[in-house]
């Protein structure tokens, strides 16, 4: 796991883009739980940084595809899966693992 940010850098319902192992990763804070997803929609490559987060989902700003923050699945379009990555909090460090297979 690689330390990529501090918890205070991603406020509640906030987002932050970080670079991990050559990938652009979007950190999302939902009520103190940090999620890490690829910052590119699998549908047409739109950046997810401007996405809306609601009810455990992140919605692509271009076409509205809704992806689960937990596993990246899109119920409406199952062929599109947003890459998600394991996150661990260590004190105030946010650590992300991009070394293995993505979820």
Protein backbone atom coordinates (compact mmCIF):
# COMPACT_ATOMS: atom_id res chain seq x y z
CA UNK A 1 0.00 0.00 0.00
CA UNK A 2 1.24 3.43 -0.90
CA UNK A 3 0.48 6.57 1.16
CA UNK A 4 -1.19 8.99 -1.24
CA UNK A 5 -2.79 11.71 0.91
CA UNK A 6 -3.75 12.81 4.42
CA UNK A 7 -7.31 12.43 5.65
CA UNK A 8 -7.73 16.21 6.07
CA UNK A 9 -7.03 16.63 2.33
CA UNK A 10 -10.26 14.81 1.45
CA UNK A 11 -13.09 16.45 3.44
CA UNK A 12 -16.46 14.80 3.99
CA UNK A 13 -18.17 14.36 0.61
CA UNK A 14 -15.00 15.73 -1.00
CA UNK A 15 -12.74 14.33 -3.72
CA UNK A 16 -9.02 14.47 -4.47
CA UNK A 17 -7.05 13.25 -7.48
CA UNK A 18 -3.78 11.45 -6.74
CA UNK A 19 -1.27 9.55 -8.85
CA UNK A 20 -0.55 5.95 -7.84
CA UNK A 21 1.68 3.59 -9.84
CA UNK A 22 1.25 5.74 -12.94
CA UNK A 23 -2.56 5.83 -12.65
CA UNK A 24 -4.78 8.80 -11.89
CA UNK A 25 -6.90 7.77 -8.88
CA UNK A 26 -9.83 9.67 -7.42
CA UNK A 27 -10.22 9.54 -3.65
CA UNK A 28 -13.78 10.05 -2.40
CA UNK A 29 -14.77 10.62 1.24
CA UNK A 30 -18.29 9.53 2.20
CA UNK A 31 -18.93 10.14 5.90
CA UNK A 32 -15.37 9.20 6.85
CA UNK A 33 -15.06 6.19 4.55
CA UNK A 34 -12.48 6.74 1.83
CA UNK A 35 -12.97 5.08 -1.55
CA UNK A 36 -10.44 4.96 -4.40
CA UNK A 37 -11.58 4.70 -8.01
CA UNK A 38 -9.94 5.27 -11.36
CA UNK A 39 -10.41 8.86 -12.48
CA UNK A 40 -11.67 7.81 -15.90
CA UNK A 41 -15.14 6.57 -16.78
CA UNK A 42 -14.94 3.16 -18.50
CA UNK A 43 -17.73 4.22 -20.89
CA UNK A 44 -16.00 7.02 -22.81
CA UNK A 45 -13.04 8.09 -20.66
CA UNK A 46 -14.58 11.15 -19.04
CA UNK A 47 -12.74 12.36 -15.92
CA UNK A 48 -14.65 11.38 -12.78
CA UNK A 49 -13.41 14.32 -10.68
CA UNK A 50 -16.54 16.32 -11.59
CA UNK A 51 -18.83 13.36 -10.84
CA UNK A 52 -21.72 13.53 -8.38
CA UNK A 53 -21.51 11.25 -5.35
CA UNK A 54 -24.78 10.11 -3.81
CA UNK A 55 -26.10 7.05 -1.94
CA UNK A 56 -22.90 5.03 -2.36
CA UNK A 57 -22.59 5.72 -6.09
CA UNK A 58 -20.51 8.01 -8.25
CA UNK A 59 -22.17 9.28 -11.44
CA UNK A 60 -20.18 10.12 -14.54
CA UNK A 61 -20.60 13.82 -15.36
CA UNK A 62 -20.83 13.15 -19.11
CA UNK A 63 -23.61 10.55 -19.46
CA UNK A 64 -24.71 9.86 -15.89
CA UNK A 65 -23.57 6.22 -15.64
CA UNK A 66 -23.78 5.32 -11.92
CA UNK A 67 -20.98 3.21 -10.46
CA UNK A 68 -20.86 1.61 -7.02
CA UNK A 69 -18.05 3.08 -4.94
CA UNK A 70 -17.56 -0.36 -3.35
CA UNK A 71 -17.03 -2.53 -6.43
CA UNK A 72 -17.30 -0.21 -9.46
CA UNK A 73 -20.30 -2.00 -10.96
CA UNK A 74 -22.89 -0.17 -13.04
CA UNK A 75 -26.32 -1.83 -12.72
CA UNK A 76 -27.74 -0.08 -15.79
CA UNK A 77 -24.73 -0.97 -17.98
CA UNK A 78 -23.07 -4.13 -16.57
CA UNK A 79 -20.45 -4.15 -19.33
CA UNK A 80 -18.96 -0.96 -17.81
CA UNK A 81 -17.08 -1.42 -14.54
CA UNK A 82 -15.16 1.43 -12.90
CA UNK A 83 -11.84 0.25 -11.46
CA UNK A 84 -11.76 0.41 -7.65
CA UNK A 85 -8.77 -0.03 -5.35
CA UNK A 86 -8.28 -1.17 -1.74
CA UNK A 87 -7.88 1.68 0.77
CA UNK A 88 -6.43 1.59 4.27
CA UNK A 89 -6.24 4.40 6.81
CA UNK A 90 -3.12 4.45 8.96
CA UNK A 91 -3.41 7.30 11.43
CA UNK A 92 -4.10 10.27 9.17
CA UNK A 93 -2.48 8.64 6.12
CA UNK A 94 -4.64 7.38 3.26
CA UNK A 95 -3.03 4.36 1.65
CA UNK A 96 -4.09 2.84 -1.68
CA UNK A 97 -3.04 -0.47 -3.23
CA UNK A 98 -2.77 -0.48 -7.02
CA UNK A 99 -0.30 -3.37 -7.17
CA UNK A 100 -2.76 -6.21 -7.72
CA UNK A 101 -5.84 -6.77 -9.80
CA UNK A 102 -8.40 -4.01 -9.57
CA UNK A 103 -11.90 -4.80 -8.38
